[in-house]
Amino acid sequence: MSTYRDVQTAVRVEKLRIWFGWLCGNFILLAIALATQDIHIVSVITQLLLAAGFLALTVALFRMTGALNRKAAAARREVLGDDA
């Protein structure tokens, strides 16, 4: 059986991984948009894709964080014996 500290550590590590993935994804989108900013029609398309990608990554980030929080709460209740 895991301890409360193990649960907290696992949750913290997973949240850091999720945020790092979000940051890297947005950095890649921004780099592509900046690389194509001088090509007029491609620049408009990449800006639209940047906005859509940012929105998609942000929605995924908060959904994953919420699911992780629910799993962590269940694990904490199990570890602490609060299954009521």
PDB file of N, CA and C in Angstrom:
ATOM      1  N   MET A   1       0.847  -1.175   0.000  1.00  0.00           N
ATOM      2  CA  MET A   1       0.000   0.000   0.000  1.00  0.00           C
ATOM      3  C   MET A   1       0.894   1.239   0.000  1.00  0.00           C
ATOM      4  N   SER A   2       0.544   2.206  -0.802  1.00  0.00           N
ATOM      5  CA  SER A   2       1.344   3.429  -0.889  1.00  0.00           C
ATOM      6  C   SER A   2       1.032   4.363   0.275  1.00  0.00           C
ATOM      7  N   THR A   3       1.959   5.248   0.507  1.00  0.00           N
ATOM      8  CA  THR A   3       1.777   6.213   1.575  1.00  0.00           C
ATOM      9  C   THR A   3       1.243   7.523   0.995  1.00  0.00           C
ATOM     10  N   TYR A   4       0.807   8.385   1.876  1.00  0.00           N
ATOM     11  CA  TYR A   4       0.276   9.687   1.462  1.00  0.00           C
ATOM     12  C   TYR A   4       1.346  10.495   0.738  1.00  0.00           C
ATOM     13  N   ARG A   5       2.571  10.395   1.206  1.00  0.00           N
ATOM     14  CA  ARG A   5       3.672  11.128   0.566  1.00  0.00           C
ATOM     15  C   ARG A   5       3.925  10.618  -0.853  1.00  0.00           C
ATOM     16  N   ASP A   6       3.822   9.308  -1.064  1.00  0.00           N
ATOM     17  CA  ASP A   6       3.996   8.738  -2.402  1.00  0.00           C
ATOM     18  C   ASP A   6       2.938   9.274  -3.364  1.00  0.00           C
ATOM     19  N   VAL A   7       1.721   9.375  -2.871  1.00  0.00           N
ATOM     20  CA  VAL A   7       0.634   9.897  -3.707  1.00  0.00           C
ATOM     21  C   VAL A   7       0.906  11.349  -4.072  1.00  0.00           C
ATOM     22  N   GLN A   8       1.306  12.150  -3.094  1.00  0.00           N
ATOM     23  CA  GLN A   8       1.601  13.559  -3.364  1.00  0.00           C
ATOM     24  C   GLN A   8       2.743  13.716  -4.357  1.00  0.00           C
ATOM     25  N   THR A   9       3.775  12.916  -4.207  1.00  0.00           N
ATOM     26  CA  THR A   9       4.924  12.986  -5.109  1.00  0.00           C
ATOM     27  C   THR A   9       4.524  12.610  -6.525  1.00  0.00           C
ATOM     28  N   ALA A  10       3.756  11.544  -6.663  1.00  0.00           N
ATOM     29  CA  ALA A  10       3.322  11.109  -7.996  1.00  0.00           C
ATOM     30  C   ALA A  10       2.460  12.173  -8.670  1.00  0.00           C
ATOM     31  N   VAL A  11       1.578  12.790  -7.922  1.00  0.00           N
ATOM     32  CA  VAL A  11       0.711  13.831  -8.476  1.00  0.00           C
ATOM     33  C   VAL A  11       1.540  15.036  -8.905  1.00  0.00           C
ATOM     34  N   ARG A  12       2.476  15.443  -8.084  1.00  0.00           N
ATOM     35  CA  ARG A  12       3.322  16.602  -8.412  1.00  0.00           C
ATOM     36  C   ARG A  12       4.127  16.336  -9.677  1.00  0.00           C
ATOM     37  N   VAL A  13       4.699  15.151  -9.793  1.00  0.00           N
ATOM     38  CA  VAL A  13       5.499  14.811 -10.969  1.00  0.00           C
ATOM     39  C   VAL A  13       4.631  14.801 -12.226  1.00  0.00           C
ATOM     40  N   GLU A  14       3.451  14.209 -12.142  1.00  0.00           N
ATOM     41  CA  GLU A  14       2.573  14.165 -13.314  1.00  0.00           C
ATOM     42  C   GLU A  14       2.114  15.555 -13.731  1.00  0.00           C
ATOM     43  N   LYS A  15       1.819  16.399 -12.761  1.00  0.00           N
ATOM     44  CA  LYS A  15       1.416  17.769 -13.105  1.00  0.00           C
ATOM     45  C   LYS A  15       2.558  18.522 -13.773  1.00  0.00           C
ATOM     46  N   LEU A  16       3.768  18.333 -13.290  1.00  0.00           N
ATOM     47  CA  LEU A  16       4.919  18.978 -13.933  1.00  0.00           C
ATOM     48  C   LEU A  16       5.101  18.478 -15.357  1.00  0.00           C
ATOM     49  N   ARG A  17       4.891  17.203 -15.583  1.00  0.00           N
ATOM     50  CA  ARG A  17       5.002  16.652 -16.938  1.00  0.00           C
ATOM     51  C   ARG A  17       3.930  17.232 -17.856  1.00  0.00           C
ATOM     52  N   ILE A  18       2.712  17.352 -17.344  1.00  0.00           N
ATOM     53  CA  ILE A  18       1.619  17.902 -18.140  1.00  0.00           C
ATOM     54  C   ILE A  18       1.908  19.355 -18.501  1.00  0.00           C
ATOM     55  N   TRP A  19       2.315  20.155 -17.531  1.00  0.00           N
ATOM     56  CA  TRP A  19       2.613  21.564 -17.796  1.00  0.00           C
ATOM     57  C   TRP A  19       3.808  21.711 -18.733  1.00  0.00           C
ATOM     58  N   PHE A  20       4.820  20.860 -18.581  1.00  0.00           N
ATOM     59  CA  PHE A  20       5.981  20.925 -19.467  1.00  0.00           C
ATOM     60  C   PHE A  20       5.580  20.582 -20.900  1.00  0.00           C
ATOM     61  N   GLY A  21       4.724  19.585 -21.061  1.00  0.00           N
ATOM     62  CA  GLY A  21       4.230  19.234 -22.393  1.00  0.00           C
ATOM     63  C   GLY A  21       3.442  20.370 -23.023  1.00  0.00           C
ATOM     64  N   TRP A  22       2.611  21.032 -22.214  1.00  0.00           N
ATOM     65  CA  TRP A  22       1.832  22.181 -22.692  1.00  0.00           C
ATOM     66  C   TRP A  22       2.758  23.304 -23.140  1.00  0.00           C
ATOM     67  N   LEU A  23       3.769  23.585 -22.324  1.00  0.00           N
ATOM     68  CA  LEU A  23       4.711  24.652 -22.634  1.00  0.00           C
ATOM     69  C   LEU A  23       5.496  24.341 -23.908  1.00  0.00           C
ATOM     70  N   CYS A  24       5.956  23.116 -24.044  1.00  0.00           N
ATOM     71  CA  CYS A  24       6.714  22.728 -25.246  1.00  0.00           C
ATOM     72  C   CYS A  24       5.839  22.786 -26.500  1.00  0.00           C
ATOM     73  N   GLY A  25       4.613  22.310 -26.379  1.00  0.00           N
ATOM     74  CA  GLY A  25       3.700  22.358 -27.524  1.00  0.00           C
ATOM     75  C   GLY A  25       3.431  23.768 -27.978  1.00  0.00           C
ATOM     76  N   ASN A  26       3.203  24.666 -27.046  1.00  0.00           N
ATOM     77  CA  ASN A  26       2.962  26.062 -27.405  1.00  0.00           C
ATOM     78  C   ASN A  26       4.223  26.731 -27.953  1.00  0.00           C
ATOM     79  N   PHE A  27       5.377  26.363 -27.430  1.00  0.00           N
ATOM     80  CA  PHE A  27       6.628  26.903 -27.956  1.00  0.00           C
ATOM     81  C   PHE A  27       6.832  26.475 -29.409  1.00  0.00           C
ATOM     82  N   ILE A  28       6.535  25.226 -29.711  1.00  0.00           N
ATOM     83  CA  ILE A  28       6.670  24.735 -31.086  1.00  0.00           C
ATOM     84  C   ILE A  28       5.710  25.475 -32.011  1.00  0.00           C
ATOM     85  N   LEU A  29       4.457  25.651 -31.569  1.00  0.00           N
ATOM     86  CA  LEU A  29       3.491  26.388 -32.384  1.00  0.00           C
ATOM     87  C   LEU A  29       3.949  27.825 -32.624  1.00  0.00           C
ATOM     88  N   LEU A  30       4.456  28.454 -31.589  1.00  0.00           N
ATOM     89  CA  LEU A  30       4.939  29.832 -31.728  1.00  0.00           C
ATOM     90  C   LEU A  30       6.143  29.913 -32.663  1.00  0.00           C
ATOM     91  N   ALA A  31       7.039  28.956 -32.568  1.00  0.00           N
ATOM     92  CA  ALA A  31       8.218  28.943 -33.444  1.00  0.00           C
ATOM     93  C   ALA A  31       7.804  28.796 -34.909  1.00  0.00           C
ATOM     94  N   ILE A  32       6.830  27.948 -35.171  1.00  0.00           N
ATOM     95  CA  ILE A  32       6.351  27.776 -36.549  1.00  0.00           C
ATOM     96  C   ILE A  32       5.698  29.063 -37.047  1.00  0.00           C
ATOM     97  N   ALA A  33       4.896  29.694 -36.185  1.00  0.00           N
ATOM     98  CA  ALA A  33       4.242  30.940 -36.587  1.00  0.00           C
ATOM     99  C   ALA A  33       5.271  32.040 -36.861  1.00  0.00           C
ATOM    100  N   LEU A  34       6.284  32.119 -36.026  1.00  0.00           N
ATOM    101  CA  LEU A  34       7.311  33.139 -36.249  1.00  0.00           C
ATOM    102  C   LEU A  34       8.137  32.852 -37.497  1.00  0.00           C
ATOM    103  N   ALA A  35       8.368  31.592 -37.796  1.00  0.00           N
ATOM    104  CA  ALA A  35       9.163  31.233 -38.969  1.00  0.00           C
ATOM    105  C   ALA A  35       8.432  31.554 -40.271  1.00  0.00           C
ATOM    106  N   THR A  36       7.105  31.583 -40.225  1.00  0.00           N
ATOM    107  CA  THR A  36       6.328  31.819 -41.449  1.00  0.00           C
ATOM    108  C   THR A  36       5.697  33.209 -41.486  1.00  0.00           C
ATOM    109  N   GLN A  37       6.110  34.096 -40.621  1.00  0.00           N
ATOM    110  CA  GLN A  37       5.436  35.395 -40.539  1.00  0.00           C
ATOM    111  C   GLN A  37       5.671  36.289 -41.759  1.00  0.00           C
ATOM    112  N   ASP A  38       6.707  36.045 -42.522  1.00  0.00           N
ATOM    113  CA  ASP A  38       6.983  36.882 -43.694  1.00  0.00           C
ATOM    114  C   ASP A  38       6.308  36.382 -44.967  1.00  0.00           C
ATOM    115  N   ILE A  39       5.735  35.204 -44.939  1.00  0.00           N
ATOM    116  CA  ILE A  39       5.000  34.661 -46.084  1.00  0.00           C
ATOM    117  C   ILE A  39       3.525  34.947 -45.814  1.00  0.00           C
ATOM    118  N   HIS A  40       2.931  35.848 -46.538  1.00  0.00           N
ATOM    119  CA  HIS A  40       1.658  36.442 -46.154  1.00  0.00           C
ATOM    120  C   HIS A  40       0.513  35.454 -45.979  1.00  0.00           C
ATOM    121  N   ILE A  41       0.191  34.658 -46.972  1.00  0.00           N
ATOM    122  CA  ILE A  41      -0.966  33.760 -46.827  1.00  0.00           C
ATOM    123  C   ILE A  41      -0.670  32.632 -45.845  1.00  0.00           C
ATOM    124  N   VAL A  42       0.565  32.152 -45.850  1.00  0.00           N
ATOM    125  CA  VAL A  42       0.952  31.096 -44.909  1.00  0.00           C
ATOM    126  C   VAL A  42       0.945  31.639 -43.486  1.00  0.00           C
ATOM    127  N   SER A  43       1.307  32.903 -43.335  1.00  0.00           N
ATOM    128  CA  SER A  43       1.319  33.522 -42.018  1.00  0.00           C
ATOM    129  C   SER A  43      -0.087  33.560 -41.421  1.00  0.00           C
ATOM    130  N   VAL A  44      -1.067  33.903 -42.231  1.00  0.00           N
ATOM    131  CA  VAL A  44      -2.457  33.937 -41.743  1.00  0.00           C
ATOM    132  C   VAL A  44      -2.903  32.546 -41.337  1.00  0.00           C
ATOM    133  N   ILE A  45      -2.584  31.566 -42.143  1.00  0.00           N
ATOM    134  CA  ILE A  45      -2.983  30.187 -41.843  1.00  0.00           C
ATOM    135  C   ILE A  45      -2.293  29.697 -40.576  1.00  0.00           C
ATOM    136  N   THR A  46      -1.007  29.982 -40.434  1.00  0.00           N
ATOM    137  CA  THR A  46      -0.302  29.520 -39.236  1.00  0.00           C
ATOM    138  C   THR A  46      -0.769  30.257 -37.986  1.00  0.00           C
ATOM    139  N   GLN A  47      -1.174  31.510 -38.113  1.00  0.00           N
ATOM    140  CA  GLN A  47      -1.714  32.218 -36.959  1.00  0.00           C
ATOM    141  C   GLN A  47      -3.043  31.608 -36.516  1.00  0.00           C
ATOM    142  N   LEU A  48      -3.859  31.223 -37.486  1.00  0.00           N
ATOM    143  CA  LEU A  48      -5.117  30.541 -37.151  1.00  0.00           C
ATOM    144  C   LEU A  48      -4.838  29.189 -36.500  1.00  0.00           C
ATOM    145  N   LEU A  49      -3.870  28.465 -37.049  1.00  0.00           N
ATOM    146  CA  LEU A  49      -3.498  27.181 -36.458  1.00  0.00           C
ATOM    147  C   LEU A  49      -2.882  27.359 -35.075  1.00  0.00           C
ATOM    148  N   LEU A  50      -2.132  28.437 -34.881  1.00  0.00           N
ATOM    149  CA  LEU A  50      -1.560  28.736 -33.573  1.00  0.00           C
ATOM    150  C   LEU A  50      -2.671  28.952 -32.550  1.00  0.00           C
ATOM    151  N   ALA A  51      -3.669  29.728 -32.909  1.00  0.00           N
ATOM    152  CA  ALA A  51      -4.782  29.976 -31.992  1.00  0.00           C
ATOM    153  C   ALA A  51      -5.549  28.685 -31.698  1.00  0.00           C
ATOM    154  N   ALA A  52      -5.815  27.897 -32.737  1.00  0.00           N
ATOM    155  CA  ALA A  52      -6.536  26.638 -32.536  1.00  0.00           C
ATOM    156  C   ALA A  52      -5.695  25.653 -31.722  1.00  0.00           C
ATOM    157  N   GLY A  53      -4.406  25.589 -32.005  1.00  0.00           N
ATOM    158  CA  GLY A  53      -3.526  24.689 -31.257  1.00  0.00           C
ATOM    159  C   GLY A  53      -3.399  25.090 -29.806  1.00  0.00           C
ATOM    160  N   PHE A  54      -3.282  26.384 -29.557  1.00  0.00           N
ATOM    161  CA  PHE A  54      -3.212  26.874 -28.175  1.00  0.00           C
ATOM    162  C   PHE A  54      -4.484  26.508 -27.426  1.00  0.00           C
ATOM    163  N   LEU A  55      -5.618  26.725 -28.056  1.00  0.00           N
ATOM    164  CA  LEU A  55      -6.887  26.398 -27.417  1.00  0.00           C
ATOM    165  C   LEU A  55      -6.993  24.896 -27.142  1.00  0.00           C
ATOM    166  N   ALA A  56      -6.617  24.077 -28.114  1.00  0.00           N
ATOM    167  CA  ALA A  56      -6.686  22.628 -27.937  1.00  0.00           C
ATOM    168  C   ALA A  56      -5.738  22.150 -26.834  1.00  0.00           C
ATOM    169  N   LEU A  57      -4.523  22.675 -26.821  1.00  0.00           N
ATOM    170  CA  LEU A  57      -3.564  22.277 -25.789  1.00  0.00           C
ATOM    171  C   LEU A  57      -4.009  22.732 -24.402  1.00  0.00           C
ATOM    172  N   THR A  58      -4.608  23.903 -24.316  1.00  0.00           N
ATOM    173  CA  THR A  58      -5.060  24.413 -23.027  1.00  0.00           C
ATOM    174  C   THR A  58      -6.239  23.610 -22.502  1.00  0.00           C
ATOM    175  N   VAL A  59      -7.182  23.272 -23.371  1.00  0.00           N
ATOM    176  CA  VAL A  59      -8.312  22.436 -22.959  1.00  0.00           C
ATOM    177  C   VAL A  59      -7.802  21.075 -22.492  1.00  0.00           C
ATOM    178  N   ALA A  60      -6.885  20.487 -23.246  1.00  0.00           N
ATOM    179  CA  ALA A  60      -6.329  19.187 -22.853  1.00  0.00           C
ATOM    180  C   ALA A  60      -5.594  19.284 -21.518  1.00  0.00           C
ATOM    181  N   LEU A  61      -4.861  20.367 -21.321  1.00  0.00           N
ATOM    182  CA  LEU A  61      -4.138  20.572 -20.065  1.00  0.00           C
ATOM    183  C   LEU A  61      -5.085  20.563 -18.878  1.00  0.00           C
ATOM    184  N   PHE A  62      -6.144  21.348 -18.950  1.00  0.00           N
ATOM    185  CA  PHE A  62      -7.043  21.438 -17.807  1.00  0.00           C
ATOM    186  C   PHE A  62      -7.874  20.174 -17.619  1.00  0.00           C
ATOM    187  N   ARG A  63      -8.210  19.480 -18.710  1.00  0.00           N
ATOM    188  CA  ARG A  63      -8.919  18.205 -18.573  1.00  0.00           C
ATOM    189  C   ARG A  63      -8.028  17.152 -17.912  1.00  0.00           C
ATOM    190  N   MET A  64      -6.769  17.092 -18.338  1.00  0.00           N
ATOM    191  CA  MET A  64      -5.842  16.120 -17.757  1.00  0.00           C
ATOM    192  C   MET A  64      -5.552  16.441 -16.297  1.00  0.00           C
ATOM    193  N   THR A  65      -5.398  17.724 -15.991  1.00  0.00           N
ATOM    194  CA  THR A  65      -5.144  18.121 -14.603  1.00  0.00           C
ATOM    195  C   THR A  65      -6.344  17.799 -13.726  1.00  0.00           C
ATOM    196  N   GLY A  66      -7.546  18.040 -14.228  1.00  0.00           N
ATOM    197  CA  GLY A  66      -8.752  17.714 -13.473  1.00  0.00           C
ATOM    198  C   GLY A  66      -8.887  16.224 -13.226  1.00  0.00           C
ATOM    199  N   ALA A  67      -8.614  15.428 -14.256  1.00  0.00           N
ATOM    200  CA  ALA A  67      -8.678  13.971 -14.094  1.00  0.00           C
ATOM    201  C   ALA A  67      -7.625  13.499 -13.099  1.00  0.00           C
ATOM    202  N   LEU A  68      -6.448  14.090 -13.155  1.00  0.00           N
ATOM    203  CA  LEU A  68      -5.391  13.728 -12.219  1.00  0.00           C
ATOM    204  C   LEU A  68      -5.774  14.111 -10.795  1.00  0.00           C
ATOM    205  N   ASN A  69      -6.400  15.267 -10.624  1.00  0.00           N
ATOM    206  CA  ASN A  69      -6.847  15.679  -9.291  1.00  0.00           C
ATOM    207  C   ASN A  69      -7.896  14.725  -8.732  1.00  0.00           C
ATOM    208  N   ARG A  70      -8.805  14.263  -9.592  1.00  0.00           N
ATOM    209  CA  ARG A  70      -9.823  13.295  -9.135  1.00  0.00           C
ATOM    210  C   ARG A  70      -9.182  11.970  -8.733  1.00  0.00           C
ATOM    211  N   LYS A  71      -8.228  11.496  -9.532  1.00  0.00           N
ATOM    212  CA  LYS A  71      -7.527  10.260  -9.194  1.00  0.00           C
ATOM    213  C   LYS A  71      -6.731  10.412  -7.904  1.00  0.00           C
ATOM    214  N   ALA A  72      -6.088  11.566  -7.750  1.00  0.00           N
ATOM    215  CA  ALA A  72      -5.295  11.816  -6.553  1.00  0.00           C
ATOM    216  C   ALA A  72      -6.183  11.877  -5.318  1.00  0.00           C
ATOM    217  N   ALA A  73      -7.346  12.497  -5.445  1.00  0.00           N
ATOM    218  CA  ALA A  73      -8.260  12.576  -4.305  1.00  0.00           C
ATOM    219  C   ALA A  73      -8.731  11.186  -3.897  1.00  0.00           C
ATOM    220  N   ALA A  74      -9.019  10.342  -4.877  1.00  0.00           N
ATOM    221  CA  ALA A  74      -9.433   8.970  -4.568  1.00  0.00           C
ATOM    222  C   ALA A  74      -8.292   8.198  -3.903  1.00  0.00           C
ATOM    223  N   ALA A  75      -7.086   8.380  -4.405  1.00  0.00           N
ATOM    224  CA  ALA A  75      -5.935   7.685  -3.810  1.00  0.00           C
ATOM    225  C   ALA A  75      -5.659   8.190  -2.398  1.00  0.00           C
ATOM    226  N   ARG A  76      -5.812   9.475  -2.186  1.00  0.00           N
ATOM    227  CA  ARG A  76      -5.615  10.030  -0.833  1.00  0.00           C
ATOM    228  C   ARG A  76      -6.638   9.475   0.137  1.00  0.00           C
ATOM    229  N   ARG A  77      -7.904   9.407  -0.319  1.00  0.00           N
ATOM    230  CA  ARG A  77      -8.942   8.841   0.542  1.00  0.00           C
ATOM    231  C   ARG A  77      -8.647   7.394   0.883  1.00  0.00           C
ATOM    232  N   GLU A  78      -8.136   6.643  -0.117  1.00  0.00           N
ATOM    233  CA  GLU A  78      -7.800   5.239   0.126  1.00  0.00           C
ATOM    234  C   GLU A  78      -6.645   5.110   1.109  1.00  0.00           C
ATOM    235  N   VAL A  79      -5.617   5.928   0.915  1.00  0.00           N
ATOM    236  CA  VAL A  79      -4.443   5.867   1.782  1.00  0.00           C
ATOM    237  C   VAL A  79      -4.793   6.279   3.201  1.00  0.00           C
ATOM    238  N   LEU A  80      -5.585   7.334   3.334  1.00  0.00           N
ATOM    239  CA  LEU A  80      -5.928   7.843   4.650  1.00  0.00           C
ATOM    240  C   LEU A  80      -7.106   7.121   5.287  1.00  0.00           C
ATOM    241  N   GLY A  81      -7.766   6.250   4.508  1.00  0.00           N
ATOM    242  CA  GLY A  81      -8.884   5.482   5.052  1.00  0.00           C
ATOM    243  C   GLY A  81     -10.170   6.261   5.160  1.00  0.00           C
ATOM    244  N   ASP A  82     -10.355   7.254   4.331  1.00  0.00           N
ATOM    245  CA  ASP A  82     -11.573   8.072   4.329  1.00  0.00           C
ATOM    246  C   ASP A  82     -12.510   7.643   3.213  1.00  0.00           C
ATOM    247  N   ASP A  83     -12.809   6.380   3.069  1.00  0.00           N
ATOM    248  CA  ASP A  83     -13.626   5.875   1.964  1.00  0.00           C
ATOM    249  C   ASP A  83     -15.118   6.066   2.196  1.00  0.00           C
ATOM    250  N   ALA A  84     -15.504   6.944   3.045  1.00  0.00           N
ATOM    251  CA  ALA A  84     -16.939   7.148   3.335  1.00  0.00           C
ATOM    252  C   ALA A  84     -17.594   7.995   2.290  1.00  0.00           C
TER     253      ALA A  84
END
